[in-house]
Amino acid sequence: RASGTNDKAGSAQNLLRWISPRMIKETFVTPTDYRYP
């Protein structure tokens, strides 16, 4: 309510607000043909 955003100081929830996740996918054997079965 008017008491704030409730991001819970003293918890991981608060720290999550100060990061911006980047997802990285690394494919080991990359396809060479666009055709699907």
PDB file of all heavy atoms in Angstrom:
ATOM      1  N   ARG A   1       0.854  -1.181   0.000  1.00  0.00           N
ATOM      2  CA  ARG A   1       0.000   0.000   0.000  1.00  0.00           C
ATOM      3  C   ARG A   1       0.902   1.247   0.000  1.00  0.00           C
ATOM      4  O   ARG A   1       1.850   1.315  -0.783  1.00  0.00           O
ATOM      5  CB  ARG A   1      -0.985  -0.036   1.167  1.00  0.00           C
ATOM      6  CG  ARG A   1      -2.029  -1.162   1.037  1.00  0.00           C
ATOM      7  CD  ARG A   1      -3.021  -1.165   2.182  1.00  0.00           C
ATOM      8  NE  ARG A   1      -4.026  -2.218   2.015  1.00  0.00           N
ATOM      9  CZ  ARG A   1      -4.888  -2.577   2.956  1.00  0.00           C
ATOM     10  NH1 ARG A   1      -4.885  -1.973   4.142  1.00  0.00           N
ATOM     11  NH2 ARG A   1      -5.763  -3.534   2.722  1.00  0.00           N
ATOM     12  N   ALA A   2       0.634   2.210   0.854  1.00  0.00           N
ATOM     13  CA  ALA A   2       1.439   3.439   0.861  1.00  0.00           C
ATOM     14  C   ALA A   2       2.755   3.274   1.611  1.00  0.00           C
ATOM     15  O   ALA A   2       3.504   4.233   1.764  1.00  0.00           O
ATOM     16  CB  ALA A   2       0.634   4.583   1.475  1.00  0.00           C
ATOM     17  N   SER A   3       3.049   2.053   2.060  1.00  0.00           N
ATOM     18  CA  SER A   3       4.281   1.812   2.815  1.00  0.00           C
ATOM     19  C   SER A   3       5.453   1.400   1.938  1.00  0.00           C
ATOM     20  O   SER A   3       6.552   1.201   2.455  1.00  0.00           O
ATOM     21  CB  SER A   3       4.043   0.732   3.882  1.00  0.00           C
ATOM     22  OG  SER A   3       3.202   1.214   4.902  1.00  0.00           O
ATOM     23  N   GLY A   4       5.241   1.251   0.635  1.00  0.00           N
ATOM     24  CA  GLY A   4       6.376   0.956  -0.216  1.00  0.00           C
ATOM     25  C   GLY A   4       6.131  -0.165  -1.195  1.00  0.00           C
ATOM     26  O   GLY A   4       5.010  -0.648  -1.372  1.00  0.00           O
ATOM     27  N   THR A   5       7.215  -0.590  -1.837  1.00  0.00           N
ATOM     28  CA  THR A   5       7.139  -1.599  -2.895  1.00  0.00           C
ATOM     29  C   THR A   5       7.285  -3.015  -2.373  1.00  0.00           C
ATOM     30  O   THR A   5       7.203  -3.969  -3.143  1.00  0.00           O
ATOM     31  CB  THR A   5       8.233  -1.340  -3.941  1.00  0.00           C
ATOM     32  OG1 THR A   5       9.524  -1.349  -3.306  1.00  0.00           O
ATOM     33  CG2 THR A   5       8.026   0.011  -4.629  1.00  0.00           C
ATOM     34  N   ASN A   6       7.521  -3.172  -1.075  1.00  0.00           N
ATOM     35  CA  ASN A   6       7.599  -4.478  -0.416  1.00  0.00           C
ATOM     36  C   ASN A   6       8.638  -5.388  -1.053  1.00  0.00           C
ATOM     37  O   ASN A   6       8.389  -6.576  -1.284  1.00  0.00           O
ATOM     38  CB  ASN A   6       6.223  -5.162  -0.412  1.00  0.00           C
ATOM     39  CG  ASN A   6       6.119  -6.226   0.685  1.00  0.00           C
ATOM     40  OD1 ASN A   6       6.902  -6.233   1.639  1.00  0.00           O
ATOM     41  ND2 ASN A   6       5.168  -7.131   0.541  1.00  0.00           N
ATOM     42  N   ASP A   7       9.814  -4.837  -1.308  1.00  0.00           N
ATOM     43  CA  ASP A   7      10.890  -5.630  -1.896  1.00  0.00           C
ATOM     44  C   ASP A   7      11.805  -6.267  -0.853  1.00  0.00           C
ATOM     45  O   ASP A   7      12.871  -6.784  -1.195  1.00  0.00           O
ATOM     46  CB  ASP A   7      11.691  -4.772  -2.873  1.00  0.00           C
ATOM     47  CG  ASP A   7      10.946  -4.527  -4.167  1.00  0.00           C
ATOM     48  OD1 ASP A   7      10.720  -5.497  -4.915  1.00  0.00           O
ATOM     49  OD2 ASP A   7      10.546  -3.378  -4.421  1.00  0.00           O
ATOM     50  N   LYS A   8      11.393  -6.235   0.382  1.00  0.00           N
ATOM     51  CA  LYS A   8      11.965  -7.022   1.467  1.00  0.00           C
ATOM     52  C   LYS A   8      13.475  -6.886   1.648  1.00  0.00           C
ATOM     53  O   LYS A   8      14.268  -7.750   1.253  1.00  0.00           O
ATOM     54  CB  LYS A   8      11.596  -8.502   1.282  1.00  0.00           C
ATOM     55  CG  LYS A   8      10.107  -8.792   1.411  1.00  0.00           C
ATOM     56  CD  LYS A   8       9.552  -8.406   2.767  1.00  0.00           C
ATOM     57  CE  LYS A   8       8.082  -8.768   2.921  1.00  0.00           C
ATOM     58  NZ  LYS A   8       7.483  -8.168   4.111  1.00  0.00           N
ATOM     59  N   ALA A   9      13.868  -5.778   2.271  1.00  0.00           N
ATOM     60  CA  ALA A   9      15.258  -5.632   2.694  1.00  0.00           C
ATOM     61  C   ALA A   9      15.629  -6.794   3.603  1.00  0.00           C
ATOM     62  O   ALA A   9      14.824  -7.259   4.406  1.00  0.00           O
ATOM     63  CB  ALA A   9      15.438  -4.316   3.439  1.00  0.00           C
ATOM     64  N   GLY A  10      16.855  -7.262   3.468  1.00  0.00           N
ATOM     65  CA  GLY A  10      17.283  -8.413   4.262  1.00  0.00           C
ATOM     66  C   GLY A  10      16.860  -9.724   3.647  1.00  0.00           C
ATOM     67  O   GLY A  10      16.653 -10.714   4.353  1.00  0.00           O
ATOM     68  N   SER A  11      16.731  -9.750   2.315  1.00  0.00           N
ATOM     69  CA  SER A  11      16.363 -10.982   1.618  1.00  0.00           C
ATOM     70  C   SER A  11      16.914 -10.949   0.207  1.00  0.00           C
ATOM     71  O   SER A  11      17.321  -9.899  -0.307  1.00  0.00           O
ATOM     72  CB  SER A  11      14.840 -11.155   1.572  1.00  0.00           C
ATOM     73  OG  SER A  11      14.272 -10.288   0.598  1.00  0.00           O
ATOM     74  N   ALA A  12      16.876 -12.113  -0.459  1.00  0.00           N
ATOM     75  CA  ALA A  12      17.306 -12.179  -1.852  1.00  0.00           C
ATOM     76  C   ALA A  12      16.370 -11.406  -2.760  1.00  0.00           C
ATOM     77  O   ALA A  12      16.787 -10.939  -3.828  1.00  0.00           O
ATOM     78  CB  ALA A  12      17.388 -13.642  -2.296  1.00  0.00           C
ATOM     79  N   GLN A  13      15.092 -11.256  -2.356  1.00  0.00           N
ATOM     80  CA  GLN A  13      14.146 -10.520  -3.202  1.00  0.00           C
ATOM     81  C   GLN A  13      14.643  -9.114  -3.501  1.00  0.00           C
ATOM     82  O   GLN A  13      14.472  -8.606  -4.610  1.00  0.00           O
ATOM     83  CB  GLN A  13      12.768 -10.439  -2.535  1.00  0.00           C
ATOM     84  CG  GLN A  13      12.010 -11.752  -2.511  1.00  0.00           C
ATOM     85  CD  GLN A  13      11.912 -12.298  -1.107  1.00  0.00           C
ATOM     86  OE1 GLN A  13      12.933 -12.440  -0.439  1.00  0.00           O
ATOM     87  NE2 GLN A  13      10.722 -12.609  -0.661  1.00  0.00           N
ATOM     88  N   ASN A  14      15.236  -8.481  -2.503  1.00  0.00           N
ATOM     89  CA  ASN A  14      15.732  -7.117  -2.714  1.00  0.00           C
ATOM     90  C   ASN A  14      16.905  -7.108  -3.684  1.00  0.00           C
ATOM     91  O   ASN A  14      16.967  -6.265  -4.591  1.00  0.00           O
ATOM     92  CB  ASN A  14      16.128  -6.492  -1.371  1.00  0.00           C
ATOM     93  CG  ASN A  14      16.474  -5.032  -1.495  1.00  0.00           C
ATOM     94  OD1 ASN A  14      17.588  -4.685  -1.879  1.00  0.00           O
ATOM     95  ND2 ASN A  14      15.528  -4.157  -1.192  1.00  0.00           N
ATOM     96  N   LEU A  15      17.839  -8.028  -3.535  1.00  0.00           N
ATOM     97  CA  LEU A  15      19.013  -8.048  -4.410  1.00  0.00           C
ATOM     98  C   LEU A  15      18.628  -8.320  -5.859  1.00  0.00           C
ATOM     99  O   LEU A  15      19.299  -7.839  -6.790  1.00  0.00           O
ATOM    100  CB  LEU A  15      20.016  -9.100  -3.933  1.00  0.00           C
ATOM    101  CG  LEU A  15      20.620  -8.901  -2.543  1.00  0.00           C
ATOM    102  CD1 LEU A  15      21.776  -9.861  -2.336  1.00  0.00           C
ATOM    103  CD2 LEU A  15      21.084  -7.470  -2.327  1.00  0.00           C
ATOM    104  N   LEU A  16      17.563  -9.089  -6.067  1.00  0.00           N
ATOM    105  CA  LEU A  16      17.119  -9.379  -7.434  1.00  0.00           C
ATOM    106  C   LEU A  16      16.720  -8.118  -8.191  1.00  0.00           C
ATOM    107  O   LEU A  16      16.734  -8.108  -9.429  1.00  0.00           O
ATOM    108  CB  LEU A  16      15.942 -10.358  -7.407  1.00  0.00           C
ATOM    109  CG  LEU A  16      16.283 -11.820  -7.107  1.00  0.00           C
ATOM    110  CD1 LEU A  16      15.022 -12.605  -6.779  1.00  0.00           C
ATOM    111  CD2 LEU A  16      17.023 -12.446  -8.287  1.00  0.00           C
ATOM    112  N   ARG A  17      16.369  -7.080  -7.467  1.00  0.00           N
ATOM    113  CA  ARG A  17      15.970  -5.831  -8.110  1.00  0.00           C
ATOM    114  C   ARG A  17      17.166  -5.091  -8.700  1.00  0.00           C
ATOM    115  O   ARG A  17      16.983  -4.194  -9.513  1.00  0.00           O
ATOM    116  CB  ARG A  17      15.268  -4.930  -7.087  1.00  0.00           C
ATOM    117  CG  ARG A  17      14.011  -5.536  -6.485  1.00  0.00           C
ATOM    118  CD  ARG A  17      12.891  -5.587  -7.483  1.00  0.00           C
ATOM    119  NE  ARG A  17      12.320  -4.258  -7.675  1.00  0.00           N
ATOM    120  CZ  ARG A  17      11.784  -3.822  -8.804  1.00  0.00           C
ATOM    121  NH1 ARG A  17      11.778  -4.579  -9.863  1.00  0.00           N
ATOM    122  NH2 ARG A  17      11.249  -2.601  -8.876  1.00  0.00           N
ATOM    123  N   TRP A  18      18.377  -5.455  -8.294  1.00  0.00           N
ATOM    124  CA  TRP A  18      19.566  -4.712  -8.720  1.00  0.00           C
ATOM    125  C   TRP A  18      20.409  -5.482  -9.727  1.00  0.00           C
ATOM    126  O   TRP A  18      21.587  -5.184  -9.912  1.00  0.00           O
ATOM    127  CB  TRP A  18      20.385  -4.314  -7.483  1.00  0.00           C
ATOM    128  CG  TRP A  18      19.522  -3.661  -6.459  1.00  0.00           C
ATOM    129  CD1 TRP A  18      19.270  -4.082  -5.192  1.00  0.00           C
ATOM    130  CD2 TRP A  18      18.720  -2.485  -6.647  1.00  0.00           C
ATOM    131  NE1 TRP A  18      18.375  -3.257  -4.566  1.00  0.00           N
ATOM    132  CE2 TRP A  18      18.013  -2.254  -5.443  1.00  0.00           C
ATOM    133  CE3 TRP A  18      18.520  -1.602  -7.702  1.00  0.00           C
ATOM    134  CZ2 TRP A  18      17.138  -1.191  -5.272  1.00  0.00           C
ATOM    135  CZ3 TRP A  18      17.644  -0.540  -7.539  1.00  0.00           C
ATOM    136  CH2 TRP A  18      16.970  -0.341  -6.331  1.00  0.00           C
ATOM    137  N   ILE A  19      19.797  -6.460 -10.374  1.00  0.00           N
ATOM    138  CA  ILE A  19      20.481  -7.200 -11.428  1.00  0.00           C
ATOM    139  C   ILE A  19      19.578  -7.307 -12.646  1.00  0.00           C
ATOM    140  O   ILE A  19      18.351  -7.219 -12.553  1.00  0.00           O
ATOM    141  CB  ILE A  19      20.893  -8.614 -10.959  1.00  0.00           C
ATOM    142  CG1 ILE A  19      19.703  -9.358 -10.346  1.00  0.00           C
ATOM    143  CG2 ILE A  19      22.064  -8.543 -10.002  1.00  0.00           C
ATOM    144  CD1 ILE A  19      20.021 -10.753  -9.910  1.00  0.00           C
ATOM    145  N   SER A  20      20.217  -7.510 -13.794  1.00  0.00           N
ATOM    146  CA  SER A  20      19.495  -7.664 -15.060  1.00  0.00           C
ATOM    147  C   SER A  20      19.988  -8.957 -15.705  1.00  0.00           C
ATOM    148  O   SER A  20      21.067  -8.996 -16.294  1.00  0.00           O
ATOM    149  CB  SER A  20      19.770  -6.462 -15.968  1.00  0.00           C
ATOM    150  OG  SER A  20      19.097  -6.604 -17.208  1.00  0.00           O
ATOM    151  N   PRO A  21      19.235 -10.045 -15.591  1.00  0.00           N
ATOM    152  CA  PRO A  21      19.726 -11.349 -16.053  1.00  0.00           C
ATOM    153  C   PRO A  21      19.912 -11.399 -17.576  1.00  0.00           C
ATOM    154  O   PRO A  21      19.111 -10.855 -18.334  1.00  0.00           O
ATOM    155  CB  PRO A  21      18.626 -12.319 -15.622  1.00  0.00           C
ATOM    156  CG  PRO A  21      17.837 -11.599 -14.578  1.00  0.00           C
ATOM    157  CD  PRO A  21      17.911 -10.155 -14.955  1.00  0.00           C
ATOM    158  N   ARG A  22      20.974 -12.031 -17.994  1.00  0.00           N
ATOM    159  CA  ARG A  22      21.185 -12.320 -19.402  1.00  0.00           C
ATOM    160  C   ARG A  22      21.277 -13.826 -19.567  1.00  0.00           C
ATOM    161  O   ARG A  22      22.108 -14.481 -18.950  1.00  0.00           O
ATOM    162  CB  ARG A  22      22.466 -11.669 -19.926  1.00  0.00           C
ATOM    163  CG  ARG A  22      22.732 -12.013 -21.395  1.00  0.00           C
ATOM    164  CD  ARG A  22      23.831 -11.165 -22.002  1.00  0.00           C
ATOM    165  NE  ARG A  22      25.151 -11.549 -21.554  1.00  0.00           N
ATOM    166  CZ  ARG A  22      26.262 -11.423 -22.320  1.00  0.00           C
ATOM    167  NH1 ARG A  22      26.173 -10.928 -23.533  1.00  0.00           N
ATOM    168  NH2 ARG A  22      27.434 -11.759 -21.831  1.00  0.00           N
ATOM    169  N   MET A  23      20.413 -14.370 -20.427  1.00  0.00           N
ATOM    170  CA  MET A  23      20.424 -15.805 -20.697  1.00  0.00           C
ATOM    171  C   MET A  23      21.387 -16.085 -21.852  1.00  0.00           C
ATOM    172  O   MET A  23      21.336 -15.417 -22.885  1.00  0.00           O
ATOM    173  CB  MET A  23      19.012 -16.267 -21.047  1.00  0.00           C
ATOM    174  CG  MET A  23      18.828 -17.772 -21.096  1.00  0.00           C
ATOM    175  SD  MET A  23      19.325 -18.450 -22.673  1.00  0.00           S
ATOM    176  CE  MET A  23      19.755 -20.091 -22.154  1.00  0.00           C
ATOM    177  N   ILE A  24      22.266 -17.054 -21.668  1.00  0.00           N
ATOM    178  CA  ILE A  24      23.232 -17.435 -22.700  1.00  0.00           C
ATOM    179  C   ILE A  24      23.036 -18.909 -23.028  1.00  0.00           C
ATOM    180  O   ILE A  24      23.071 -19.762 -22.130  1.00  0.00           O
ATOM    181  CB  ILE A  24      24.675 -17.196 -22.220  1.00  0.00           C
ATOM    182  CG1 ILE A  24      24.891 -15.715 -21.882  1.00  0.00           C
ATOM    183  CG2 ILE A  24      25.682 -17.659 -23.282  1.00  0.00           C
ATOM    184  CD1 ILE A  24      26.227 -15.432 -21.236  1.00  0.00           C
ATOM    185  N   LYS A  25      22.801 -19.192 -24.281  1.00  0.00           N
ATOM    186  CA  LYS A  25      22.700 -20.575 -24.763  1.00  0.00           C
ATOM    187  C   LYS A  25      23.876 -20.861 -25.686  1.00  0.00           C
ATOM    188  O   LYS A  25      24.126 -20.120 -26.632  1.00  0.00           O
ATOM    189  CB  LYS A  25      21.396 -20.817 -25.520  1.00  0.00           C
ATOM    190  CG  LYS A  25      21.288 -22.215 -26.130  1.00  0.00           C
ATOM    191  CD  LYS A  25      20.066 -22.358 -27.032  1.00  0.00           C
ATOM    192  CE  LYS A  25      20.030 -23.734 -27.690  1.00  0.00           C
ATOM    193  NZ  LYS A  25      18.896 -23.888 -28.637  1.00  0.00           N
ATOM    194  N   GLU A  26      24.590 -21.921 -25.380  1.00  0.00           N
ATOM    195  CA  GLU A  26      25.691 -22.339 -26.223  1.00  0.00           C
ATOM    196  C   GLU A  26      25.370 -23.711 -26.816  1.00  0.00           C
ATOM    197  O   GLU A  26      25.244 -24.699 -26.090  1.00  0.00           O
ATOM    198  CB  GLU A  26      26.995 -22.406 -25.438  1.00  0.00           C
ATOM    199  CG  GLU A  26      28.182 -22.840 -26.272  1.00  0.00           C
ATOM    200  CD  GLU A  26      29.481 -22.869 -25.486  1.00  0.00           C
ATOM    201  OE1 GLU A  26      29.490 -22.396 -24.334  1.00  0.00           O
ATOM    202  OE2 GLU A  26      30.480 -23.378 -26.037  1.00  0.00           O
ATOM    203  N   THR A  27      25.214 -23.751 -28.147  1.00  0.00           N
ATOM    204  CA  THR A  27      24.928 -25.004 -28.839  1.00  0.00           C
ATOM    205  C   THR A  27      26.241 -25.686 -29.216  1.00  0.00           C
ATOM    206  O   THR A  27      27.149 -25.061 -29.767  1.00  0.00           O
ATOM    207  CB  THR A  27      24.089 -24.734 -30.105  1.00  0.00           C
ATOM    208  OG1 THR A  27      22.849 -24.149 -29.711  1.00  0.00           O
ATOM    209  CG2 THR A  27      23.821 -26.022 -30.866  1.00  0.00           C
ATOM    210  N   PHE A  28      26.353 -26.990 -28.932  1.00  0.00           N
ATOM    211  CA  PHE A  28      27.613 -27.698 -29.136  1.00  0.00           C
ATOM    212  C   PHE A  28      27.815 -28.167 -30.575  1.00  0.00           C
ATOM    213  O   PHE A  28      28.913 -28.106 -31.117  1.00  0.00           O
ATOM    214  CB  PHE A  28      27.710 -28.877 -28.168  1.00  0.00           C
ATOM    215  CG  PHE A  28      27.712 -28.450 -26.726  1.00  0.00           C
ATOM    216  CD1 PHE A  28      26.876 -29.051 -25.799  1.00  0.00           C
ATOM    217  CD2 PHE A  28      28.551 -27.448 -26.290  1.00  0.00           C
ATOM    218  CE1 PHE A  28      26.875 -28.650 -24.477  1.00  0.00           C
ATOM    219  CE2 PHE A  28      28.565 -27.040 -24.961  1.00  0.00           C
ATOM    220  CZ  PHE A  28      27.722 -27.644 -24.053  1.00  0.00           C
ATOM    221  N   VAL A  29      26.747 -28.686 -31.196  1.00  0.00           N
ATOM    222  CA  VAL A  29      26.831 -29.110 -32.599  1.00  0.00           C
ATOM    223  C   VAL A  29      25.773 -28.314 -33.356  1.00  0.00           C
ATOM    224  O   VAL A  29      24.577 -28.578 -33.240  1.00  0.00           O
ATOM    225  CB  VAL A  29      26.600 -30.619 -32.760  1.00  0.00           C
ATOM    226  CG1 VAL A  29      26.685 -31.014 -34.237  1.00  0.00           C
ATOM    227  CG2 VAL A  29      27.623 -31.395 -31.939  1.00  0.00           C
ATOM    228  N   THR A  30      26.201 -27.346 -34.108  1.00  0.00           N
ATOM    229  CA  THR A  30      25.295 -26.408 -34.750  1.00  0.00           C
ATOM    230  C   THR A  30      24.758 -26.991 -36.051  1.00  0.00           C
ATOM    231  O   THR A  30      25.528 -27.535 -36.866  1.00  0.00           O
ATOM    232  CB  THR A  30      26.025 -25.093 -35.042  1.00  0.00           C
ATOM    233  OG1 THR A  30      26.571 -24.594 -33.818  1.00  0.00           O
ATOM    234  CG2 THR A  30      25.076 -24.049 -35.620  1.00  0.00           C
ATOM    235  N   PRO A  31      23.423 -26.926 -36.298  1.00  0.00           N
ATOM    236  CA  PRO A  31      22.846 -27.461 -37.542  1.00  0.00           C
ATOM    237  C   PRO A  31      23.429 -26.798 -38.784  1.00  0.00           C
ATOM    238  O   PRO A  31      23.819 -25.617 -38.764  1.00  0.00           O
ATOM    239  CB  PRO A  31      21.363 -27.144 -37.392  1.00  0.00           C
ATOM    240  CG  PRO A  31      21.140 -27.006 -35.927  1.00  0.00           C
ATOM    241  CD  PRO A  31      22.406 -26.411 -35.402  1.00  0.00           C
ATOM    242  N   THR A  32      23.484 -27.549 -39.848  1.00  0.00           N
ATOM    243  CA  THR A  32      23.962 -27.039 -41.143  1.00  0.00           C
ATOM    244  C   THR A  32      22.899 -27.129 -42.226  1.00  0.00           C
ATOM    245  O   THR A  32      23.186 -26.821 -43.394  1.00  0.00           O
ATOM    246  CB  THR A  32      25.219 -27.808 -41.580  1.00  0.00           C
ATOM    247  OG1 THR A  32      24.912 -29.205 -41.654  1.00  0.00           O
ATOM    248  CG2 THR A  32      26.369 -27.590 -40.593  1.00  0.00           C
ATOM    249  N   ASP A  33      21.684 -27.580 -41.847  1.00  0.00           N
ATOM    250  CA  ASP A  33      20.589 -27.716 -42.823  1.00  0.00           C
ATOM    251  C   ASP A  33      19.329 -27.167 -42.180  1.00  0.00           C
ATOM    252  O   ASP A  33      18.971 -27.556 -41.072  1.00  0.00           O
ATOM    253  CB  ASP A  33      20.414 -29.189 -43.192  1.00  0.00           C
ATOM    254  CG  ASP A  33      19.421 -29.400 -44.332  1.00  0.00           C
ATOM    255  OD1 ASP A  33      18.617 -28.475 -44.629  1.00  0.00           O
ATOM    256  OD2 ASP A  33      19.431 -30.496 -44.918  1.00  0.00           O
ATOM    257  N   TYR A  34      18.658 -26.257 -42.894  1.00  0.00           N
ATOM    258  CA  TYR A  34      17.470 -25.642 -42.319  1.00  0.00           C
ATOM    259  C   TYR A  34      16.285 -26.581 -42.252  1.00  0.00           C
ATOM    260  O   TYR A  34      15.315 -26.323 -41.540  1.00  0.00           O
ATOM    261  CB  TYR A  34      17.069 -24.395 -43.124  1.00  0.00           C
ATOM    262  CG  TYR A  34      16.251 -24.674 -44.360  1.00  0.00           C
ATOM    263  CD1 TYR A  34      14.859 -24.732 -44.310  1.00  0.00           C
ATOM    264  CD2 TYR A  34      16.867 -24.893 -45.595  1.00  0.00           C
ATOM    265  CE1 TYR A  34      14.110 -24.995 -45.449  1.00  0.00           C
ATOM    266  CE2 TYR A  34      16.131 -25.155 -46.725  1.00  0.00           C
ATOM    267  CZ  TYR A  34      14.748 -25.209 -46.657  1.00  0.00           C
ATOM    268  OH  TYR A  34      14.007 -25.473 -47.784  1.00  0.00           O
ATOM    269  N   ARG A  35      16.317 -27.716 -42.985  1.00  0.00           N
ATOM    270  CA  ARG A  35      15.148 -28.578 -43.142  1.00  0.00           C
ATOM    271  C   ARG A  35      14.877 -29.389 -41.887  1.00  0.00           C
ATOM    272  O   ARG A  35      15.774 -30.036 -41.355  1.00  0.00           O
ATOM    273  CB  ARG A  35      15.327 -29.519 -44.333  1.00  0.00           C
ATOM    274  CG  ARG A  35      15.447 -28.790 -45.671  1.00  0.00           C
ATOM    275  CD  ARG A  35      15.851 -29.735 -46.790  1.00  0.00           C
ATOM    276  NE  ARG A  35      16.012 -29.012 -48.043  1.00  0.00           N
ATOM    277  CZ  ARG A  35      17.115 -28.367 -48.405  1.00  0.00           C
ATOM    278  NH1 ARG A  35      18.177 -28.376 -47.583  1.00  0.00           N
ATOM    279  NH2 ARG A  35      17.175 -27.730 -49.556  1.00  0.00           N
ATOM    280  N   TYR A  36      13.602 -29.356 -41.431  1.00  0.00           N
ATOM    281  CA  TYR A  36      13.154 -30.187 -40.323  1.00  0.00           C
ATOM    282  C   TYR A  36      12.581 -31.488 -40.865  1.00  0.00           C
ATOM    283  O   TYR A  36      12.140 -31.543 -42.031  1.00  0.00           O
ATOM    284  CB  TYR A  36      12.089 -29.457 -39.505  1.00  0.00           C
ATOM    285  CG  TYR A  36      12.607 -28.215 -38.793  1.00  0.00           C
ATOM    286  CD1 TYR A  36      12.370 -26.950 -39.315  1.00  0.00           C
ATOM    287  CD2 TYR A  36      13.325 -28.333 -37.616  1.00  0.00           C
ATOM    288  CE1 TYR A  36      12.835 -25.813 -38.678  1.00  0.00           C
ATOM    289  CE2 TYR A  36      13.799 -27.200 -36.955  1.00  0.00           C
ATOM    290  CZ  TYR A  36      13.559 -25.948 -37.494  1.00  0.00           C
ATOM    291  OH  TYR A  36      14.022 -24.827 -36.860  1.00  0.00           O
ATOM    292  N   PRO A  37      12.544 -32.538 -40.049  1.00  0.00           N
ATOM    293  CA  PRO A  37      12.045 -33.833 -40.541  1.00  0.00           C
ATOM    294  C   PRO A  37      10.621 -33.776 -41.090  1.00  0.00           C
ATOM    295  O   PRO A  37      10.285 -34.534 -42.004  1.00  0.00           O
ATOM    296  CB  PRO A  37      12.125 -34.723 -39.292  1.00  0.00           C
ATOM    297  CG  PRO A  37      13.235 -34.127 -38.496  1.00  0.00           C
ATOM    298  CD  PRO A  37      13.131 -32.660 -38.713  1.00  0.00           C
TER     299      PRO A  37
END
